Protein backbone atom coordinates (compact mmCIF):
# COMPACT_ATOMS: atom_id res chain seq x y z
CA MET A 1 -6.54 11.01 -15.81
CA SER A 2 -4.00 10.52 -13.03
CA HIS A 3 -2.34 7.23 -12.25
CA ALA A 4 -1.30 6.16 -8.80
CA THR A 5 2.00 4.31 -8.54
CA PHE A 6 3.23 1.74 -6.06
CA GLN A 7 6.70 2.38 -4.68
CA VAL A 8 8.60 -0.40 -2.95
CA VAL A 9 11.15 1.16 -0.60
CA GLU A 10 14.02 -0.49 1.23
CA ARG A 11 14.63 1.15 4.60
CA ALA A 12 17.96 1.74 6.34
CA ASP A 13 17.39 -1.29 8.61
CA GLY A 14 17.02 -3.56 5.56
CA THR A 15 13.26 -4.02 5.82
CA VAL A 16 10.96 -3.11 2.94
CA ARG A 17 7.66 -1.19 2.81
CA TRP A 18 5.35 -0.17 -0.01
CA HIS A 19 3.51 3.10 -0.62
CA ARG A 20 0.88 3.96 -3.18
CA ARG A 21 1.43 7.53 -4.37
CA ALA A 22 -0.64 9.90 -6.49
CA ASP A 23 0.92 11.84 -9.36
CA ASP A 24 1.48 14.79 -7.02
CA GLY A 25 3.45 12.61 -4.57
CA ALA A 26 0.72 12.35 -1.95
CA VAL A 27 0.65 9.01 -0.15
CA LEU A 28 -2.66 7.27 -0.80
CA ALA A 29 -1.84 4.07 1.10
CA SER A 30 1.08 2.42 2.88
CA SER A 31 1.89 -1.08 4.02
CA ASP A 32 0.78 -1.67 7.58
CA GLY A 33 4.04 -3.38 8.39
CA THR A 34 7.43 -4.20 6.96
CA TYR A 35 8.62 -7.06 4.80
CA GLU A 36 11.88 -8.94 5.13
CA THR A 37 12.56 -8.90 1.38
CA ARG A 38 11.76 -6.78 -1.66
CA HIS A 39 10.25 -9.90 -3.22
CA ALA A 40 7.77 -10.28 -0.33
CA ALA A 41 6.71 -6.63 -0.64
CA MET A 42 6.28 -6.96 -4.42
CA ARG A 43 4.19 -10.10 -3.93
CA GLU A 44 1.88 -8.13 -1.61
CA VAL A 45 1.60 -5.27 -4.14
CA GLN A 46 0.60 -7.82 -6.81
CA ARG A 47 -2.04 -9.25 -4.48
CA ILE A 48 -3.44 -5.80 -3.78
CA THR A 49 -3.58 -4.77 -7.44
CA HIS A 50 -5.46 -7.99 -8.17
CA VAL A 51 -8.25 -7.21 -5.65
CA ILE A 52 -8.51 -3.42 -6.12
CA PRO A 53 -11.17 -3.55 -8.89
CA SER A 54 -13.59 -5.33 -6.54
CA ALA A 55 -12.73 -3.33 -3.40
CA GLY A 56 -15.65 -1.64 -1.68
CA VAL A 57 -15.88 1.21 0.79
CA GLU A 58 -16.82 0.66 4.41
CA SER A 59 -17.78 3.33 6.91
CA VAL A 60 -16.82 2.45 10.49
CA ASP A 61 -18.20 4.18 13.57
CA THR A 62 -15.43 4.26 16.17
CA HIS A 63 -17.65 5.94 18.78
CA THR A 64 -19.74 2.87 19.55
CA PRO A 65 -20.24 2.44 23.32
């Protein structure tokens, strides 16, 4: 069984993002914005890991007139 890992990455400009990566390095998810601190990004990762077991799947039709 593979395990996805969260990576918290500080960028050159000092902001922080997170990525969820598969064992093979593929990005499964990324933060939709940046965080001012590593602590803020880690707090968001903790929030996400808390809700993942109950997450559903939603299909969205983007071709609605």
